[in-house]
């Protein structure tokens, strides 16, 4: 009987060891479950950044419409002075003045900028033309910034159709400036030097902005196509590309890329000219990158 009691005591002692083993298994299970939680937090952070980047281009378009509206780009000319061919770009009329559809204005501006970027990337000869008082200074400043030929005083007749004669004028200007800088004009009398300076100033005023041109322009950007109708006409005769700001009194058929808007508002012109400048800057940068790419590949090989 004593032996049977001893056996029962041994059997009761064994479950205590198994309880300890179960506790250890629970601890390991908790540790294994903690790891995937940290990984899940990192994966969630990536798509948030992508959504923010995707919304940025939409804000640019909206702000452009608002800026053009605030600048008065939607005002056309008096109803009596309109060109019927501009009807598809107009929203309607109010108080006897035509109102532009700014959605079409923004669309036309985007297409014009794309065309400018492509032309600059392909190395085409581009000339910015704006002789009206509101656009002169800002157009010249932007053209000099991106290093593109410009005309702000007067369109020189025959610039495209009679390039040979214009080229002689440009060569005369560049030759006189070079001789003056090298001091070769000092051998002349004071009176003759004064006459040379006056000639340089006159030529600089007329063709100074296009002195870098080596051949006739291939792309014309006209601020107010109605005022620059001579430039637009020459470009059409020789097949040059025309990008222009077209008001309600102008003919859009002579323009390849129409930006329908008020071309008399200084604030609106500032917005559009800045957009043209950025488009040219992007195209010229892409051209430089393409020109530098073969050299980098040759060096790596």
Protein backbone atom coordinates (compact mmCIF):
# COMPACT_ATOMS: atom_id res chain seq x y z
CA UNK A 1 0.00 0.00 0.00
CA UNK A 2 2.89 2.35 0.70
CA UNK A 3 4.31 1.87 -2.77
CA UNK A 4 1.00 2.83 -4.44
CA UNK A 5 0.86 6.15 -2.55
CA UNK A 6 4.40 7.00 -3.62
CA UNK A 7 3.51 6.44 -7.28
CA UNK A 8 0.57 8.79 -7.09
CA UNK A 9 2.74 11.56 -5.65
CA UNK A 10 5.18 11.28 -8.56
CA UNK A 11 2.40 11.52 -11.07
CA UNK A 12 1.10 14.79 -9.48
CA UNK A 13 4.54 16.43 -9.67
CA UNK A 14 4.99 16.11 -13.44
CA UNK A 15 2.34 18.65 -14.63
CA UNK A 16 4.22 21.51 -12.94
CA UNK A 17 7.13 21.15 -15.39
CA UNK A 18 4.76 21.19 -18.39
CA UNK A 19 3.23 24.48 -17.25
CA UNK A 20 6.60 26.15 -17.42
CA UNK A 21 7.08 24.96 -21.01
CA UNK A 22 3.75 26.41 -22.04
CA UNK A 23 4.70 29.82 -20.66
CA UNK A 24 7.87 29.87 -22.72
CA UNK A 25 5.95 29.11 -25.91
CA UNK A 26 3.62 32.07 -25.31
CA UNK A 27 6.56 34.48 -24.96
CA UNK A 28 8.08 33.36 -28.23
CA UNK A 29 4.74 33.73 -29.98
CA UNK A 30 4.48 37.33 -28.82
CA UNK A 31 7.96 38.14 -30.11
CA UNK A 32 7.23 36.67 -33.56
CA UNK A 33 4.03 38.71 -33.93
CA UNK A 34 5.76 42.03 -33.10
CA UNK A 35 8.07 42.00 -36.17
CA UNK A 36 5.52 42.29 -39.02
CA UNK A 37 3.87 45.34 -37.42
CA UNK A 38 6.98 47.48 -37.97
CA UNK A 39 7.23 46.43 -41.64
CA UNK A 40 3.60 47.33 -42.28
CA UNK A 41 4.15 50.93 -41.08
CA UNK A 42 6.98 51.46 -43.59
CA UNK A 43 4.91 50.20 -46.54
CA UNK A 44 2.02 52.57 -45.82
CA UNK A 45 4.26 55.67 -45.94
CA UNK A 46 5.20 55.23 -49.67
CA UNK A 47 1.82 55.67 -51.42
CA UNK A 48 1.06 58.88 -49.48
CA UNK A 49 4.01 60.69 -51.05
CA UNK A 50 2.98 59.51 -54.53
CA UNK A 51 -0.53 60.90 -54.18
CA UNK A 52 0.79 64.34 -53.23
CA UNK A 53 3.07 64.48 -56.26
CA UNK A 54 0.23 63.51 -58.63
CA UNK A 55 -1.91 66.47 -57.48
CA UNK A 56 0.72 69.17 -58.12
CA UNK A 57 0.23 69.61 -61.94
CA UNK A 58 -3.53 70.19 -61.46
CA UNK A 59 -2.88 73.14 -59.13
CA UNK A 60 -0.67 74.82 -61.74
CA UNK A 61 -3.43 74.82 -64.36
CA UNK A 62 -6.02 76.16 -61.90
CA UNK A 63 -3.76 78.99 -60.72
CA UNK A 64 -3.03 79.97 -64.34
CA UNK A 65 -6.73 80.38 -65.09
CA UNK A 66 -7.21 82.43 -61.93
CA UNK A 67 -4.17 84.61 -62.67
CA UNK A 68 -5.33 85.29 -66.23
CA UNK A 69 -8.81 86.17 -64.99
CA UNK A 70 -7.44 88.54 -62.35
CA UNK A 71 -5.13 90.09 -64.96
CA UNK A 72 -8.08 90.83 -67.26
CA UNK A 73 -7.05 88.44 -70.04
CA UNK A 74 -10.70 87.56 -70.69
CA UNK A 75 -11.65 91.01 -72.01
CA UNK A 76 -11.79 91.34 -75.78
CA UNK A 77 -12.46 94.39 -77.95
CA UNK A 78 -15.75 96.16 -78.51
CA UNK A 79 -18.32 93.96 -80.23
CA UNK A 80 -18.35 96.20 -83.30
CA UNK A 81 -14.61 95.71 -83.91
CA UNK A 82 -14.47 91.94 -83.73
CA UNK A 83 -13.35 89.41 -86.32
CA UNK A 84 -16.05 86.73 -86.86
CA UNK A 85 -13.34 84.05 -87.20
CA UNK A 86 -12.62 84.46 -83.48
CA UNK A 87 -16.14 83.33 -82.53
CA UNK A 88 -15.07 79.82 -81.41
CA UNK A 89 -12.67 81.31 -78.85
CA UNK A 90 -15.26 83.62 -77.27
CA UNK A 91 -17.54 82.89 -74.34
CA UNK A 92 -19.95 85.69 -75.24
CA UNK A 93 -20.39 89.43 -74.79
CA UNK A 94 -21.08 91.64 -71.79
CA UNK A 95 -21.72 95.40 -71.77
CA UNK A 96 -20.79 95.57 -75.46
CA UNK A 97 -17.38 93.87 -74.97
CA UNK A 98 -16.49 90.36 -76.03
CA UNK A 99 -15.38 87.91 -73.32
CA UNK A 100 -12.85 85.16 -74.02
CA UNK A 101 -13.28 81.57 -72.89
CA UNK A 102 -10.26 81.27 -70.58
CA UNK A 103 -10.29 77.47 -70.75
CA UNK A 104 -9.46 77.77 -74.44
CA UNK A 105 -6.90 80.45 -73.61
CA UNK A 106 -5.08 78.14 -71.19
CA UNK A 107 -5.32 75.24 -73.65
CA UNK A 108 -3.85 77.39 -76.42
CA UNK A 109 -1.08 78.63 -74.14
CA UNK A 110 -0.12 75.06 -73.20
CA UNK A 111 0.02 73.99 -76.87
CA UNK A 112 2.07 77.07 -77.78
CA UNK A 113 4.56 76.38 -74.98
CA UNK A 114 4.92 72.75 -76.10
CA UNK A 115 5.62 73.93 -79.66
CA UNK A 116 8.21 76.42 -78.39
CA UNK A 117 9.96 73.76 -76.31
CA UNK A 118 10.09 71.42 -79.30
CA UNK A 119 11.40 74.15 -81.61
CA UNK A 120 14.11 75.16 -79.13
CA UNK A 121 15.13 71.52 -78.60
CA UNK A 122 15.43 71.02 -82.37
CA UNK A 123 17.62 74.12 -82.69
CA UNK A 124 15.26 76.17 -84.84
CA UNK A 125 15.80 79.91 -85.21
CA UNK A 126 13.20 81.63 -83.01
CA UNK A 127 12.44 85.35 -82.84
CA UNK A 128 10.22 87.03 -80.23
CA UNK A 129 8.35 90.01 -81.68
CA UNK A 130 6.60 92.59 -79.51
CA UNK A 131 6.69 96.25 -80.51
CA UNK A 132 3.70 97.46 -78.49
CA UNK A 133 4.38 99.66 -75.49
CA UNK A 134 3.02 97.25 -72.86
CA UNK A 135 5.22 94.35 -74.01
CA UNK A 136 8.51 95.95 -75.06
CA UNK A 137 10.49 95.93 -71.83
CA UNK A 138 9.30 92.60 -70.42
CA UNK A 139 9.80 90.84 -73.77
CA UNK A 140 13.35 92.18 -74.12
CA UNK A 141 14.20 91.18 -70.54
CA UNK A 142 12.90 87.63 -71.00
CA UNK A 143 14.56 87.21 -74.40
CA UNK A 144 17.94 88.29 -73.02
CA UNK A 145 17.52 85.96 -70.05
CA UNK A 146 17.10 82.88 -72.26
CA UNK A 147 19.42 84.24 -74.99
CA UNK A 148 16.88 84.28 -77.85
CA UNK A 149 16.67 86.89 -80.68
CA UNK A 150 13.98 89.55 -80.28
CA UNK A 151 12.47 92.62 -81.95
CA UNK A 152 10.90 95.34 -79.81
CA UNK A 153 11.26 98.50 -81.92
CA UNK A 154 10.07 97.86 -85.47
CA UNK A 155 9.75 94.82 -87.69
CA UNK A 156 12.32 95.23 -90.44
CA UNK A 157 10.55 94.59 -93.74
CA UNK A 158 12.04 91.64 -95.62
CA UNK A 159 13.51 90.00 -92.51
CA UNK A 160 12.20 86.66 -93.78
CA UNK A 161 11.38 87.30 -97.44
CA UNK A 162 14.55 89.31 -98.23
CA UNK A 163 17.08 87.85 -95.81
CA UNK A 164 20.12 88.58 -98.00
CA UNK A 165 19.68 92.34 -97.60
CA UNK A 166 18.98 92.07 -93.89
CA UNK A 167 22.09 89.93 -93.47
CA UNK A 168 24.22 92.73 -94.92
CA UNK A 169 22.78 95.12 -92.33
CA UNK A 170 23.57 92.70 -89.51
CA UNK A 171 27.11 92.19 -90.80
CA UNK A 172 27.61 95.97 -90.91
CA UNK A 173 26.47 96.31 -87.28
CA UNK A 174 28.63 93.44 -86.03
CA UNK A 175 31.66 94.72 -87.96
CA UNK A 176 31.38 98.26 -86.56
CA UNK A 177 30.95 96.98 -83.00
CA UNK A 178 33.98 94.70 -83.34
CA UNK A 179 36.17 97.53 -84.73
CA UNK A 180 35.04 99.86 -81.95
CA UNK A 181 35.80 97.29 -79.26
CA UNK A 182 39.24 96.61 -80.76
CA UNK A 183 40.02 100.34 -80.99
CA UNK A 184 40.29 100.40 -84.78
CA UNK A 185 37.95 103.41 -85.05
CA UNK A 186 40.31 105.64 -83.06
CA UNK A 187 42.40 106.28 -86.15
CA UNK A 188 39.51 108.32 -87.61
CA UNK A 189 38.77 111.93 -86.73
CA UNK A 190 36.52 112.78 -83.79
CA UNK A 191 33.72 113.79 -86.13
CA UNK A 192 33.93 110.48 -87.99
CA UNK A 193 33.96 108.55 -84.71
CA UNK A 194 30.78 110.36 -83.65
CA UNK A 195 29.13 109.40 -86.94
CA UNK A 196 30.15 105.76 -86.42
CA UNK A 197 28.69 105.80 -82.91
CA UNK A 198 25.41 107.22 -84.22
CA UNK A 199 25.25 104.55 -86.93
CA UNK A 200 25.91 101.80 -84.38
CA UNK A 201 23.20 103.19 -82.10
CA UNK A 202 20.69 103.35 -84.97
CA UNK A 203 21.42 99.82 -86.16
CA UNK A 204 21.40 98.53 -82.58
CA UNK A 205 17.96 100.03 -82.08
CA UNK A 206 16.55 98.46 -85.26
CA UNK A 207 18.28 95.06 -85.51
CA UNK A 208 20.32 94.80 -82.31
CA UNK A 209 18.07 92.12 -80.88
CA UNK A 210 18.58 89.82 -83.88
CA UNK A 211 22.31 90.42 -84.35
CA UNK A 212 23.01 86.78 -83.43
CA UNK A 213 20.85 85.39 -86.28
CA UNK A 214 22.78 83.47 -88.93
CA UNK A 215 19.79 82.85 -91.22
CA UNK A 216 16.13 83.78 -91.66
CA UNK A 217 13.83 83.01 -88.70
CA UNK A 218 11.96 79.69 -88.67
CA UNK A 219 9.62 80.48 -85.77
CA UNK A 220 7.92 83.81 -85.00
CA UNK A 221 6.33 84.52 -81.61
CA UNK A 222 4.11 87.57 -82.07
CA UNK A 223 2.68 89.56 -79.17
CA UNK A 224 -0.49 90.98 -80.75
CA UNK A 225 -0.72 89.43 -84.22
CA UNK A 226 -2.91 92.33 -85.42
CA UNK A 227 -0.16 94.87 -84.74
CA UNK A 228 2.58 92.55 -86.01
CA UNK A 229 0.64 91.61 -89.14
CA UNK A 230 3.64 92.32 -91.40
CA UNK A 231 5.76 89.80 -89.50
CA UNK A 232 2.91 87.25 -89.58
CA UNK A 233 2.40 87.79 -93.30
CA UNK A 234 6.09 87.27 -94.11
CA UNK A 235 6.19 84.15 -91.96
CA UNK A 236 3.18 82.72 -93.81
CA UNK A 237 4.71 83.48 -97.20
CA UNK A 238 7.89 81.52 -96.36
CA UNK A 239 6.31 78.73 -94.32
CA UNK A 240 7.69 79.83 -90.95
CA UNK A 241 5.85 78.72 -87.80
CA UNK A 242 3.73 81.44 -86.15
CA UNK A 243 2.84 81.47 -82.46
CA UNK A 244 0.80 84.47 -81.42
CA UNK A 245 -1.47 86.23 -78.98
CA UNK A 246 -4.71 86.82 -80.88
CA UNK A 247 -7.30 89.33 -79.71
CA UNK A 248 -10.94 89.40 -80.79
CA UNK A 249 -10.17 91.82 -83.65
CA UNK A 250 -7.48 89.67 -85.32
CA UNK A 251 -7.46 86.85 -87.85
CA UNK A 252 -6.53 83.47 -86.30
CA UNK A 253 -6.20 81.70 -89.67
CA UNK A 254 -2.70 83.10 -90.18
CA UNK A 255 -1.46 81.76 -86.83
CA UNK A 256 -0.38 78.15 -86.29
CA UNK A 257 -0.67 78.22 -82.48
CA UNK A 258 -3.36 80.62 -81.29
CA UNK A 259 -3.40 82.00 -77.75
CA UNK A 260 -6.77 83.83 -77.66
CA UNK A 261 -6.76 86.59 -75.06
CA UNK A 262 -6.59 90.30 -74.30
CA UNK A 263 -3.24 91.49 -75.66
CA UNK A 264 -3.49 94.97 -74.13
CA UNK A 265 -3.33 94.04 -70.44
CA UNK A 266 0.21 94.43 -69.08
CA UNK A 267 -0.37 91.89 -66.29
CA UNK A 268 -1.73 89.29 -68.70
CA UNK A 269 1.19 89.85 -71.07
CA UNK A 270 3.62 89.41 -68.21
CA UNK A 271 2.12 85.99 -67.38
CA UNK A 272 2.22 84.77 -70.99
CA UNK A 273 5.70 86.09 -71.78
CA UNK A 274 7.04 84.43 -68.63
CA UNK A 275 5.42 81.14 -69.74
CA UNK A 276 7.05 81.47 -73.18
CA UNK A 277 10.40 82.12 -71.53
CA UNK A 278 10.13 79.00 -69.35
CA UNK A 279 9.17 76.89 -72.37
CA UNK A 280 12.19 78.14 -74.32
CA UNK A 281 14.47 77.58 -71.33
CA UNK A 282 13.33 73.95 -71.02
CA UNK A 283 13.84 73.32 -74.75
CA UNK A 284 17.31 74.87 -74.80
CA UNK A 285 18.33 72.87 -71.74
CA UNK A 286 17.14 69.63 -73.35
CA UNK A 287 19.15 70.49 -76.47
CA UNK A 288 22.30 70.96 -74.39
CA UNK A 289 21.70 67.68 -72.58
CA UNK A 290 21.26 65.84 -75.89
CA UNK A 291 24.44 67.40 -77.26
CA UNK A 292 26.40 66.42 -74.15
CA UNK A 293 25.05 62.84 -74.02
CA UNK A 294 27.27 61.33 -76.79
CA UNK A 295 30.41 62.80 -75.18
CA UNK A 296 29.56 61.21 -71.83
CA UNK A 297 28.96 57.83 -73.50
CA UNK A 298 32.27 58.02 -75.36
CA UNK A 299 34.08 58.77 -72.13
CA UNK A 300 32.51 55.84 -70.31
CA UNK A 301 33.46 53.41 -73.08
